[in-house]
Amino acid sequence: MRNLNLKQLRAIQAIKKHGTIVAAANALGLTPPAVTIQLKLAEEDANIILFDRTNEGLRPTVAGLAFLDAAQMIEERLRLLHDEIDAIKGLRVGTLSLGVVSTAKYFAPQLMAIFAKDHPDIIVKLAIGNRAEIIDSLKSHAVDLALMGRPPKDIPLRSAVFGDHPLVMIAAPDHPLAKCRDITKERIAQEHFLIREPGSGTRISLEIFLSELPGRIDDLGTEMSSNETIKQAVMAGLGIAFISAHTIALELEVGRLVMLDVTGMPIRRQWFSVMRTDRTLSPAMRAFQDFLNRKGAQCLPSIDRLYPMTGAQISQNQRA
């Protein structure tokens, strides 16, 4: 396939994205016949069909998917080359595609704002999704670097811790357990939980926490699609929730939610930055990773001052 070129690859990418020759042509600023020619040349060069013609539009074949993967990697390498040349010229510029799980969206803008002060000419593009969506973005090379609570094990990744990730139990202020101290695991397990979708980091941590109680994780509670929905449902008195403390700082401060004093909580997990090992680090990626190592933990919301004292701490203060 010595005659394959960027025009052909970009035509293939546009067809996959838009589904038809006409839509792809409009996106590329070309005529439909021009896009058709680029696709035909690529198929003739490889001697294989790249798209199936269906009633719903053009769908990539297995060979087409291989072409698309190669096209994505070439685009990434060209972008990296652009950043490397700028670095050689002494320019502190570049772009970074940052993916964050939905829980991290509560502090990601703060990270970006502080990073921008040191690197004003590096453009950071933010993508937010649930854990599965961000993992898919890593697999497809759609993001350069991702922030999440648990790095996946089925992708070749390099990961680094940049801060603590406390997980806590929350309730409405008028909940019967709101003023209780040293609530046992057995007692909290009697409550109705509001939970995230299967596979989410917080749900997995809750399942681990309750795993020693026979049958409890078989029916955890009511599943909801976002942290915001869960918080609103807790405030409405529909149940309690196990959630990242970094998502509730504002609600705690204004008294809309309370953290329950459950024995063994908060559970301390960690935040990771992850990137693929088969990616060459661009100057922008290096700069952001270095920033996380130096300042990442300082950008995370602090909840220690808002967490209720345990019964033992109250007794100690009273004795003092």
C-alpha atoms as a PDB file:
ATOM      1  CA  MET A   1       0.000   0.000   0.000  1.00  0.00           C
ATOM      2  CA  ARG A   2       2.759   2.401  -1.017  1.00  0.00           C
ATOM      3  CA  ASN A   3       0.315   4.784  -2.673  1.00  0.00           C
ATOM      4  CA  LEU A   4      -1.836   5.353   0.426  1.00  0.00           C
ATOM      5  CA  ASN A   5      -1.877   9.018   1.416  1.00  0.00           C
ATOM      6  CA  LEU A   6      -3.327  11.408   3.984  1.00  0.00           C
ATOM      7  CA  LYS A   7      -6.141  12.535   1.692  1.00  0.00           C
ATOM      8  CA  GLN A   8      -7.396   8.975   1.442  1.00  0.00           C
ATOM      9  CA  LEU A   9      -7.122   8.366   5.185  1.00  0.00           C
ATOM     10  CA  ARG A  10      -8.932  11.583   6.024  1.00  0.00           C
ATOM     11  CA  ALA A  11     -11.683  10.734   3.551  1.00  0.00           C
ATOM     12  CA  ILE A  12     -12.076   7.350   5.247  1.00  0.00           C
ATOM     13  CA  GLN A  13     -12.254   9.020   8.665  1.00  0.00           C
ATOM     14  CA  ALA A  14     -14.892  11.473   7.454  1.00  0.00           C
ATOM     15  CA  ILE A  15     -17.016   8.694   5.936  1.00  0.00           C
ATOM     16  CA  LYS A  16     -16.910   6.756   9.204  1.00  0.00           C
ATOM     17  CA  LYS A  17     -17.837   9.853  11.229  1.00  0.00           C
ATOM     18  CA  HIS A  18     -20.661  11.118   9.006  1.00  0.00           C
ATOM     19  CA  GLY A  19     -21.985   7.893   7.487  1.00  0.00           C
ATOM     20  CA  THR A  20     -22.402   8.996   3.876  1.00  0.00           C
ATOM     21  CA  ILE A  21     -20.230  10.221   1.012  1.00  0.00           C
ATOM     22  CA  VAL A  22     -22.219  13.449   0.727  1.00  0.00           C
ATOM     23  CA  ALA A  23     -21.928  14.285   4.434  1.00  0.00           C
ATOM     24  CA  ALA A  24     -18.236  13.425   4.436  1.00  0.00           C
ATOM     25  CA  ALA A  25     -17.680  15.646   1.392  1.00  0.00           C
ATOM     26  CA  ASN A  26     -19.433  18.569   3.079  1.00  0.00           C
ATOM     27  CA  ALA A  27     -17.299  18.146   6.192  1.00  0.00           C
ATOM     28  CA  LEU A  28     -14.080  18.057   4.148  1.00  0.00           C
ATOM     29  CA  GLY A  29     -15.045  20.880   1.799  1.00  0.00           C
ATOM     30  CA  LEU A  30     -14.857  18.558  -1.202  1.00  0.00           C
ATOM     31  CA  THR A  31     -17.292  17.254  -3.812  1.00  0.00           C
ATOM     32  CA  PRO A  32     -18.866  13.810  -3.335  1.00  0.00           C
ATOM     33  CA  PRO A  33     -17.089  12.448  -6.453  1.00  0.00           C
ATOM     34  CA  ALA A  34     -13.742  13.550  -4.991  1.00  0.00           C
ATOM     35  CA  VAL A  35     -14.387  11.651  -1.756  1.00  0.00           C
ATOM     36  CA  THR A  36     -15.592   8.623  -3.716  1.00  0.00           C
ATOM     37  CA  ILE A  37     -12.344   8.626  -5.699  1.00  0.00           C
ATOM     38  CA  GLN A  38     -10.219   8.762  -2.537  1.00  0.00           C
ATOM     39  CA  LEU A  39     -12.100   5.799  -1.072  1.00  0.00           C
ATOM     40  CA  LYS A  40     -11.883   3.832  -4.339  1.00  0.00           C
ATOM     41  CA  LEU A  41      -8.122   4.445  -4.602  1.00  0.00           C
ATOM     42  CA  ALA A  42      -7.576   3.222  -1.040  1.00  0.00           C
ATOM     43  CA  GLU A  43      -9.688   0.101  -1.636  1.00  0.00           C
ATOM     44  CA  GLU A  44      -7.901  -0.659  -4.915  1.00  0.00           C
ATOM     45  CA  ASP A  45      -4.492  -0.154  -3.319  1.00  0.00           C
ATOM     46  CA  ALA A  46      -5.344  -2.549  -0.473  1.00  0.00           C
ATOM     47  CA  ASN A  47      -7.413  -4.854  -2.725  1.00  0.00           C
ATOM     48  CA  ILE A  48     -10.148  -5.019  -0.098  1.00  0.00           C
ATOM     49  CA  ILE A  49     -13.516  -3.400   0.662  1.00  0.00           C
ATOM     50  CA  LEU A  50     -13.357  -0.818   3.463  1.00  0.00           C
ATOM     51  CA  PHE A  51     -17.078  -0.014   3.841  1.00  0.00           C
ATOM     52  CA  ASP A  52     -20.274  -1.998   3.530  1.00  0.00           C
ATOM     53  CA  ARG A  53     -23.088  -0.174   1.761  1.00  0.00           C
ATOM     54  CA  THR A  54     -26.218  -0.486   3.943  1.00  0.00           C
ATOM     55  CA  ASN A  55     -29.624   1.186   4.116  1.00  0.00           C
ATOM     56  CA  GLU A  56     -28.383   3.129   7.145  1.00  0.00           C
ATOM     57  CA  GLY A  57     -25.296   4.390   5.330  1.00  0.00           C
ATOM     58  CA  LEU A  58     -21.691   3.256   4.958  1.00  0.00           C
ATOM     59  CA  ARG A  59     -20.389   0.996   7.738  1.00  0.00           C
ATOM     60  CA  PRO A  60     -16.673   0.128   8.083  1.00  0.00           C
ATOM     61  CA  THR A  61     -15.647  -3.472   7.514  1.00  0.00           C
ATOM     62  CA  VAL A  62     -12.969  -5.151   9.631  1.00  0.00           C
ATOM     63  CA  ALA A  63     -10.415  -3.888   7.142  1.00  0.00           C
ATOM     64  CA  GLY A  64     -11.984  -0.434   7.319  1.00  0.00           C
ATOM     65  CA  LEU A  65     -11.603  -0.397  11.093  1.00  0.00           C
ATOM     66  CA  ALA A  66      -7.926  -1.284  10.693  1.00  0.00           C
ATOM     67  CA  PHE A  67      -7.516   1.663   8.310  1.00  0.00           C
ATOM     68  CA  LEU A  68      -9.305   3.957  10.769  1.00  0.00           C
ATOM     69  CA  ASP A  69      -7.043   2.875  13.617  1.00  0.00           C
ATOM     70  CA  ALA A  70      -3.967   3.562  11.491  1.00  0.00           C
ATOM     71  CA  ALA A  71      -5.368   6.941  10.445  1.00  0.00           C
ATOM     72  CA  GLN A  72      -5.919   7.919  14.082  1.00  0.00           C
ATOM     73  CA  MET A  73      -2.360   6.968  15.013  1.00  0.00           C
ATOM     74  CA  ILE A  74      -0.934   8.917  12.081  1.00  0.00           C
ATOM     75  CA  GLU A  75      -2.961  12.013  13.014  1.00  0.00           C
ATOM     76  CA  GLU A  76      -1.666  11.740  16.578  1.00  0.00           C
ATOM     77  CA  ARG A  77       1.923  11.422  15.399  1.00  0.00           C
ATOM     78  CA  LEU A  78       1.574  14.454  13.146  1.00  0.00           C
ATOM     79  CA  ARG A  79       0.148  16.488  16.012  1.00  0.00           C
ATOM     80  CA  LEU A  80       2.991  15.321  18.225  1.00  0.00           C
ATOM     81  CA  LEU A  81       5.476  16.318  15.520  1.00  0.00           C
ATOM     82  CA  HIS A  82       3.920  19.789  15.446  1.00  0.00           C
ATOM     83  CA  ASP A  83       4.329  20.109  19.213  1.00  0.00           C
ATOM     84  CA  GLU A  84       7.897  18.785  19.102  1.00  0.00           C
ATOM     85  CA  ILE A  85       8.883  21.301  16.445  1.00  0.00           C
ATOM     86  CA  ASP A  86       7.379  24.103  18.529  1.00  0.00           C
ATOM     87  CA  ALA A  87       9.344  22.822  21.538  1.00  0.00           C
ATOM     88  CA  ILE A  88      12.558  22.809  19.482  1.00  0.00           C
ATOM     89  CA  LYS A  89      11.815  26.399  18.507  1.00  0.00           C
ATOM     90  CA  GLY A  90      11.494  27.244  22.207  1.00  0.00           C
ATOM     91  CA  LEU A  91       7.745  27.844  22.057  1.00  0.00           C
ATOM     92  CA  ARG A  92       5.673  26.755  25.061  1.00  0.00           C
ATOM     93  CA  VAL A  93       2.662  25.789  22.993  1.00  0.00           C
ATOM     94  CA  GLY A  94       0.678  22.692  22.147  1.00  0.00           C
ATOM     95  CA  THR A  95      -2.619  20.958  22.717  1.00  0.00           C
ATOM     96  CA  LEU A  96      -3.730  18.337  25.221  1.00  0.00           C
ATOM     97  CA  SER A  97      -6.873  16.205  25.035  1.00  0.00           C
ATOM     98  CA  LEU A  98      -7.797  15.518  28.653  1.00  0.00           C
ATOM     99  CA  GLY A  99     -10.425  12.934  29.572  1.00  0.00           C
ATOM    100  CA  VAL A 100     -11.903  12.827  33.072  1.00  0.00           C
ATOM    101  CA  VAL A 101     -14.448  10.543  34.704  1.00  0.00           C
ATOM    102  CA  SER A 102     -17.613  12.359  35.720  1.00  0.00           C
ATOM    103  CA  THR A 103     -16.614  12.459  39.392  1.00  0.00           C
ATOM    104  CA  ALA A 104     -13.456  14.392  38.481  1.00  0.00           C
ATOM    105  CA  LYS A 105     -15.394  17.139  36.700  1.00  0.00           C
ATOM    106  CA  TYR A 106     -15.830  18.849  40.073  1.00  0.00           C
ATOM    107  CA  PHE A 107     -12.136  19.707  40.283  1.00  0.00           C
ATOM    108  CA  ALA A 108     -10.894  19.389  36.682  1.00  0.00           C
ATOM    109  CA  PRO A 109     -11.672  23.053  35.834  1.00  0.00           C
ATOM    110  CA  GLN A 110      -9.590  24.149  38.836  1.00  0.00           C
ATOM    111  CA  LEU A 111      -6.701  22.002  37.609  1.00  0.00           C
ATOM    112  CA  MET A 112      -7.004  23.497  34.141  1.00  0.00           C
ATOM    113  CA  ALA A 113      -7.147  27.072  35.426  1.00  0.00           C
ATOM    114  CA  ILE A 114      -4.023  26.716  37.572  1.00  0.00           C
ATOM    115  CA  PHE A 115      -2.184  24.874  34.788  1.00  0.00           C
ATOM    116  CA  ALA A 116      -3.098  27.648  32.331  1.00  0.00           C
ATOM    117  CA  LYS A 117      -1.358  30.250  34.504  1.00  0.00           C
ATOM    118  CA  ASP A 118       1.968  28.459  34.028  1.00  0.00           C
ATOM    119  CA  HIS A 119       1.307  27.359  30.432  1.00  0.00           C
ATOM    120  CA  PRO A 120      -0.975  29.961  28.829  1.00  0.00           C
ATOM    121  CA  ASP A 121      -0.211  28.792  25.289  1.00  0.00           C
ATOM    122  CA  ILE A 122      -1.087  25.142  25.830  1.00  0.00           C
ATOM    123  CA  ILE A 123      -4.697  24.459  24.859  1.00  0.00           C
ATOM    124  CA  VAL A 124      -6.427  21.829  27.006  1.00  0.00           C
ATOM    125  CA  LYS A 125      -9.514  20.184  25.530  1.00  0.00           C
ATOM    126  CA  LEU A 126     -11.716  18.559  28.165  1.00  0.00           C
ATOM    127  CA  ALA A 127     -13.844  15.435  27.650  1.00  0.00           C
ATOM    128  CA  ILE A 128     -16.095  14.179  30.478  1.00  0.00           C
ATOM    129  CA  GLY A 129     -17.691  10.749  30.648  1.00  0.00           C
ATOM    130  CA  ASN A 130     -18.377   7.815  32.885  1.00  0.00           C
ATOM    131  CA  ARG A 131     -15.637   5.290  33.552  1.00  0.00           C
ATOM    132  CA  ALA A 132     -16.514   3.092  30.561  1.00  0.00           C
ATOM    133  CA  GLU A 133     -16.618   6.069  28.187  1.00  0.00           C
ATOM    134  CA  ILE A 134     -13.230   7.387  29.295  1.00  0.00           C
ATOM    135  CA  ILE A 135     -11.685   3.918  28.969  1.00  0.00           C
ATOM    136  CA  ASP A 136     -13.091   3.709  25.428  1.00  0.00           C
ATOM    137  CA  SER A 137     -11.539   7.111  24.701  1.00  0.00           C
ATOM    138  CA  LEU A 138      -8.157   5.793  25.843  1.00  0.00           C
ATOM    139  CA  LYS A 139      -8.567   2.681  23.700  1.00  0.00           C
ATOM    140  CA  SER A 140      -9.434   4.733  20.610  1.00  0.00           C
ATOM    141  CA  HIS A 141      -6.690   7.308  21.257  1.00  0.00           C
ATOM    142  CA  ALA A 142      -9.374  10.008  21.519  1.00  0.00           C
ATOM    143  CA  VAL A 143      -7.712  11.461  24.637  1.00  0.00           C
ATOM    144  CA  ASP A 144      -4.023  11.948  25.432  1.00  0.00           C
ATOM    145  CA  LEU A 145      -4.326  11.643  29.186  1.00  0.00           C
ATOM    146  CA  ALA A 146      -7.140  10.682  31.552  1.00  0.00           C
ATOM    147  CA  LEU A 147      -7.939  11.268  35.218  1.00  0.00           C
ATOM    148  CA  MET A 148      -9.713   8.446  37.034  1.00  0.00           C
ATOM    149  CA  GLY A 149      -9.899   6.519  40.271  1.00  0.00           C
ATOM    150  CA  ARG A 150      -8.871   3.051  39.045  1.00  0.00           C
ATOM    151  CA  PRO A 151      -6.719   2.508  35.950  1.00  0.00           C
ATOM    152  CA  PRO A 152      -8.092  -0.262  33.704  1.00  0.00           C
ATOM    153  CA  LYS A 153      -6.049  -3.437  33.382  1.00  0.00           C
ATOM    154  CA  ASP A 154      -6.847  -4.353  29.775  1.00  0.00           C
ATOM    155  CA  ILE A 155      -4.957  -1.453  28.150  1.00  0.00           C
ATOM    156  CA  PRO A 156      -1.171  -0.908  28.214  1.00  0.00           C
ATOM    157  CA  LEU A 157      -0.987   2.171  30.446  1.00  0.00           C
ATOM    158  CA  ARG A 158       1.409   4.182  32.538  1.00  0.00           C
ATOM    159  CA  SER A 159      -0.272   5.635  35.611  1.00  0.00           C
ATOM    160  CA  ALA A 160       0.705   8.005  38.406  1.00  0.00           C
ATOM    161  CA  VAL A 161      -1.028   9.006  41.644  1.00  0.00           C
ATOM    162  CA  PHE A 162      -1.624  12.724  42.050  1.00  0.00           C
ATOM    163  CA  GLY A 163      -3.885  12.911  45.106  1.00  0.00           C
ATOM    164  CA  ASP A 164      -6.142  11.212  47.634  1.00  0.00           C
ATOM    165  CA  HIS A 165      -9.729  10.346  46.747  1.00  0.00           C
ATOM    166  CA  PRO A 166     -11.929  10.008  49.853  1.00  0.00           C
ATOM    167  CA  LEU A 167     -15.266   8.201  49.561  1.00  0.00           C
ATOM    168  CA  VAL A 168     -17.981   8.923  52.115  1.00  0.00           C
ATOM    169  CA  MET A 169     -21.565   8.109  53.036  1.00  0.00           C
ATOM    170  CA  ILE A 170     -24.031  11.008  52.741  1.00  0.00           C
ATOM    171  CA  ALA A 171     -27.607  11.673  53.831  1.00  0.00           C
ATOM    172  CA  ALA A 172     -30.120  14.488  54.108  1.00  0.00           C
ATOM    173  CA  PRO A 173     -29.634  16.662  57.240  1.00  0.00           C
ATOM    174  CA  ASP A 174     -32.874  15.355  58.770  1.00  0.00           C
ATOM    175  CA  HIS A 175     -32.004  11.692  58.266  1.00  0.00           C
ATOM    176  CA  PRO A 176     -32.297   9.612  61.500  1.00  0.00           C
ATOM    177  CA  LEU A 177     -28.589   8.716  61.288  1.00  0.00           C
ATOM    178  CA  ALA A 178     -27.387  12.266  60.650  1.00  0.00           C
ATOM    179  CA  LYS A 179     -26.395  12.907  64.272  1.00  0.00           C
ATOM    180  CA  CYS A 180     -25.313   9.362  65.133  1.00  0.00           C
ATOM    181  CA  ARG A 181     -21.693   8.513  65.805  1.00  0.00           C
ATOM    182  CA  ASP A 182     -19.683   5.388  64.985  1.00  0.00           C
ATOM    183  CA  ILE A 183     -22.400   3.842  62.808  1.00  0.00           C
ATOM    184  CA  THR A 184     -21.558   0.198  62.196  1.00  0.00           C
ATOM    185  CA  LYS A 185     -21.342  -1.444  58.804  1.00  0.00           C
ATOM    186  CA  GLU A 186     -24.233  -3.713  59.762  1.00  0.00           C
ATOM    187  CA  ARG A 187     -26.432  -0.731  60.653  1.00  0.00           C
ATOM    188  CA  ILE A 188     -25.658   1.304  57.545  1.00  0.00           C
ATOM    189  CA  ALA A 189     -26.313  -1.781  55.407  1.00  0.00           C
ATOM    190  CA  GLN A 190     -29.966  -1.644  56.474  1.00  0.00           C
ATOM    191  CA  GLU A 191     -30.451   1.644  54.614  1.00  0.00           C
ATOM    192  CA  HIS A 192     -31.636   2.107  51.034  1.00  0.00           C
ATOM    193  CA  PHE A 193     -28.711   3.131  48.809  1.00  0.00           C
ATOM    194  CA  LEU A 194     -28.729   5.356  45.736  1.00  0.00           C
ATOM    195  CA  ILE A 195     -25.988   4.032  43.472  1.00  0.00           C
ATOM    196  CA  ARG A 196     -24.184   4.592  40.166  1.00  0.00           C
ATOM    197  CA  GLU A 197     -24.185   2.221  37.200  1.00  0.00           C
ATOM    198  CA  PRO A 198     -22.355  -1.142  37.294  1.00  0.00           C
ATOM    199  CA  GLY A 199     -18.622  -0.726  36.749  1.00  0.00           C
ATOM    200  CA  SER A 200     -18.361   2.753  38.274  1.00  0.00           C
ATOM    201  CA  GLY A 201     -15.542   3.260  40.757  1.00  0.00           C
ATOM    202  CA  THR A 202     -17.737   4.288  43.681  1.00  0.00           C
ATOM    203  CA  ARG A 203     -20.117   1.377  43.169  1.00  0.00           C
ATOM    204  CA  ILE A 204     -17.254  -1.115  43.115  1.00  0.00           C
ATOM    205  CA  SER A 205     -15.856   0.380  46.336  1.00  0.00           C
ATOM    206  CA  LEU A 206     -19.293   0.123  48.002  1.00  0.00           C
ATOM    207  CA  GLU A 207     -19.593  -3.499  46.898  1.00  0.00           C
ATOM    208  CA  ILE A 208     -16.191  -4.235  48.438  1.00  0.00           C
ATOM    209  CA  PHE A 209     -17.177  -2.451  51.665  1.00  0.00           C
ATOM    210  CA  LEU A 210     -20.376  -4.497  52.017  1.00  0.00           C
ATOM    211  CA  SER A 211     -19.044  -7.764  50.589  1.00  0.00           C
ATOM    212  CA  GLU A 212     -18.652  -9.471  53.970  1.00  0.00           C
ATOM    213  CA  LEU A 213     -22.383  -9.078  54.673  1.00  0.00           C
ATOM    214  CA  PRO A 214     -24.080 -12.103  53.061  1.00  0.00           C
ATOM    215  CA  GLY A 215     -26.440 -11.195  50.215  1.00  0.00           C
ATOM    216  CA  ARG A 216     -26.286  -7.420  50.718  1.00  0.00           C
ATOM    217  CA  ILE A 217     -24.667  -6.564  47.410  1.00  0.00           C
ATOM    218  CA  ASP A 218     -27.190  -8.667  45.463  1.00  0.00           C
ATOM    219  CA  ASP A 219     -29.660  -5.776  45.618  1.00  0.00           C
ATOM    220  CA  LEU A 220     -27.740  -2.615  46.488  1.00  0.00           C
ATOM    221  CA  GLY A 221     -30.496  -0.089  45.832  1.00  0.00           C
ATOM    222  CA  THR A 222     -31.746   2.349  43.213  1.00  0.00           C
ATOM    223  CA  GLU A 223     -29.425   2.929  40.274  1.00  0.00           C
ATOM    224  CA  MET A 224     -28.961   6.482  38.979  1.00  0.00           C
ATOM    225  CA  SER A 225     -26.931   7.781  36.066  1.00  0.00           C
ATOM    226  CA  SER A 226     -25.037  10.705  37.584  1.00  0.00           C
ATOM    227  CA  ASN A 227     -23.654  12.111  40.818  1.00  0.00           C
ATOM    228  CA  GLU A 228     -25.869  15.179  40.456  1.00  0.00           C
ATOM    229  CA  THR A 229     -29.014  13.052  40.310  1.00  0.00           C
ATOM    230  CA  ILE A 230     -27.861  11.042  43.313  1.00  0.00           C
ATOM    231  CA  LYS A 231     -27.199  14.195  45.352  1.00  0.00           C
ATOM    232  CA  GLN A 232     -30.620  15.617  44.534  1.00  0.00           C
ATOM    233  CA  ALA A 233     -32.277  12.307  45.443  1.00  0.00           C
ATOM    234  CA  VAL A 234     -30.442  12.175  48.779  1.00  0.00           C
ATOM    235  CA  MET A 235     -31.492  15.746  49.557  1.00  0.00           C
ATOM    236  CA  ALA A 236     -35.074  14.743  48.751  1.00  0.00           C
ATOM    237  CA  GLY A 237     -34.887  11.946  51.299  1.00  0.00           C
ATOM    238  CA  LEU A 238     -35.032   9.026  48.872  1.00  0.00           C
ATOM    239  CA  GLY A 239     -32.088   7.249  50.471  1.00  0.00           C
ATOM    240  CA  ILE A 240     -28.429   7.565  51.350  1.00  0.00           C
ATOM    241  CA  ALA A 241     -25.431   7.353  49.035  1.00  0.00           C
ATOM    242  CA  PHE A 242     -21.805   6.352  48.984  1.00  0.00           C
ATOM    243  CA  ILE A 243     -20.061   8.990  46.921  1.00  0.00           C
ATOM    244  CA  SER A 244     -16.811  10.796  46.243  1.00  0.00           C
ATOM    245  CA  ALA A 245     -16.247  13.530  48.821  1.00  0.00           C
ATOM    246  CA  HIS A 246     -14.924  15.723  46.015  1.00  0.00           C
ATOM    247  CA  THR A 247     -18.433  15.989  44.535  1.00  0.00           C
ATOM    248  CA  ILE A 248     -20.195  17.376  47.624  1.00  0.00           C
ATOM    249  CA  ALA A 249     -18.033  20.175  49.082  1.00  0.00           C
ATOM    250  CA  LEU A 250     -20.577  22.908  48.259  1.00  0.00           C
ATOM    251  CA  GLU A 251     -23.600  20.970  49.557  1.00  0.00           C
ATOM    252  CA  LEU A 252     -21.797  20.258  52.818  1.00  0.00           C
ATOM    253  CA  GLU A 253     -20.860  23.895  53.332  1.00  0.00           C
ATOM    254  CA  VAL A 254     -24.430  25.158  52.815  1.00  0.00           C
ATOM    255  CA  GLY A 255     -25.946  22.356  54.885  1.00  0.00           C
ATOM    256  CA  ARG A 256     -27.911  20.599  52.137  1.00  0.00           C
ATOM    257  CA  LEU A 257     -26.126  17.298  52.825  1.00  0.00           C
ATOM    258  CA  VAL A 258     -24.298  15.716  55.760  1.00  0.00           C
ATOM    259  CA  MET A 259     -21.609  13.068  55.891  1.00  0.00           C
ATOM    260  CA  LEU A 260     -22.515  10.124  58.075  1.00  0.00           C
ATOM    261  CA  ASP A 261     -20.030   8.982  60.706  1.00  0.00           C
ATOM    262  CA  VAL A 262     -19.659   5.384  59.560  1.00  0.00           C
ATOM    263  CA  THR A 263     -16.976   3.229  61.125  1.00  0.00           C
ATOM    264  CA  GLY A 264     -14.161   2.728  58.636  1.00  0.00           C
ATOM    265  CA  MET A 265     -14.967   5.836  56.609  1.00  0.00           C
ATOM    266  CA  PRO A 266     -13.958   7.863  54.787  1.00  0.00           C
ATOM    267  CA  ILE A 267     -12.472   5.181  52.560  1.00  0.00           C
ATOM    268  CA  ARG A 268      -9.270   6.561  51.079  1.00  0.00           C
ATOM    269  CA  ARG A 269      -8.705   5.793  47.429  1.00  0.00           C
ATOM    270  CA  GLN A 270      -6.435   7.647  45.026  1.00  0.00           C
ATOM    271  CA  TRP A 271      -6.687   9.718  41.880  1.00  0.00           C
ATOM    272  CA  PHE A 272      -4.556   8.592  38.943  1.00  0.00           C
ATOM    273  CA  SER A 273      -3.412  10.189  35.744  1.00  0.00           C
ATOM    274  CA  VAL A 274      -3.165   7.567  33.017  1.00  0.00           C
ATOM    275  CA  MET A 275      -1.879   7.489  29.461  1.00  0.00           C
ATOM    276  CA  ARG A 276      -1.128   4.759  26.975  1.00  0.00           C
ATOM    277  CA  THR A 277       2.362   3.285  27.011  1.00  0.00           C
ATOM    278  CA  ASP A 278       2.369   3.165  23.211  1.00  0.00           C
ATOM    279  CA  ARG A 279       2.014   6.935  23.006  1.00  0.00           C
ATOM    280  CA  THR A 280       5.043   9.178  22.732  1.00  0.00           C
ATOM    281  CA  LEU A 281       4.709  11.974  25.269  1.00  0.00           C
ATOM    282  CA  SER A 282       4.209  15.359  23.648  1.00  0.00           C
ATOM    283  CA  PRO A 283       5.607  18.479  25.341  1.00  0.00           C
ATOM    284  CA  ALA A 284       2.050  19.350  26.431  1.00  0.00           C
ATOM    285  CA  MET A 285       1.554  15.901  27.980  1.00  0.00           C
ATOM    286  CA  ARG A 286       4.881  16.148  29.815  1.00  0.00           C
ATOM    287  CA  ALA A 287       4.027  19.617  31.081  1.00  0.00           C
ATOM    288  CA  PHE A 288       0.625  18.549  32.405  1.00  0.00           C
ATOM    289  CA  GLN A 289       1.978  15.408  34.053  1.00  0.00           C
ATOM    290  CA  ASP A 290       4.710  17.427  35.742  1.00  0.00           C
ATOM    291  CA  PHE A 291       2.075  19.908  36.919  1.00  0.00           C
ATOM    292  CA  LEU A 292      -0.009  17.100  38.420  1.00  0.00           C
ATOM    293  CA  ASN A 293       3.035  15.732  40.242  1.00  0.00           C
ATOM    294  CA  ARG A 294       3.808  19.141  41.744  1.00  0.00           C
ATOM    295  CA  LYS A 295       0.419  20.741  42.319  1.00  0.00           C
ATOM    296  CA  GLY A 296      -2.309  18.196  41.605  1.00  0.00           C
ATOM    297  CA  ALA A 297      -3.054  17.330  45.235  1.00  0.00           C
ATOM    298  CA  GLN A 298      -3.344  21.021  46.157  1.00  0.00           C
ATOM    299  CA  CYS A 299      -6.138  21.487  43.596  1.00  0.00           C
ATOM    300  CA  LEU A 300      -8.400  18.845  45.145  1.00  0.00           C
ATOM    301  CA  PRO A 301     -11.224  19.928  47.484  1.00  0.00           C
ATOM    302  CA  SER A 302     -10.495  19.307  51.174  1.00  0.00           C
ATOM    303  CA  ILE A 303     -13.259  17.652  53.203  1.00  0.00           C
ATOM    304  CA  ASP A 304     -11.412  16.783  56.421  1.00  0.00           C
ATOM    305  CA  ARG A 305     -12.629  19.904  58.224  1.00  0.00           C
ATOM    306  CA  LEU A 306     -16.221  19.063  57.276  1.00  0.00           C
ATOM    307  CA  TYR A 307     -16.142  15.409  58.274  1.00  0.00           C
ATOM    308  CA  PRO A 308     -17.974  14.636  61.566  1.00  0.00           C
ATOM    309  CA  MET A 309     -15.886  13.762  64.610  1.00  0.00           C
ATOM    310  CA  THR A 310     -16.070  10.157  65.707  1.00  0.00           C
ATOM    311  CA  GLY A 311     -17.516   9.213  69.062  1.00  0.00           C
ATOM    312  CA  ALA A 312     -14.015   8.621  70.405  1.00  0.00           C
ATOM    313  CA  GLN A 313     -12.900  12.098  69.336  1.00  0.00           C
ATOM    314  CA  ILE A 314     -15.958  13.692  70.960  1.00  0.00           C
ATOM    315  CA  SER A 315     -15.247  11.873  74.217  1.00  0.00           C
ATOM    316  CA  GLN A 316     -11.613  12.925  74.109  1.00  0.00           C
ATOM    317  CA  ASN A 317     -12.594  16.566  73.556  1.00  0.00           C
ATOM    318  CA  GLN A 318     -15.081  16.395  76.432  1.00  0.00           C
ATOM    319  CA  ARG A 319     -12.425  14.983  78.750  1.00  0.00           C
ATOM    320  CA  ALA A 320     -10.063  17.750  77.703  1.00  0.00           C
END
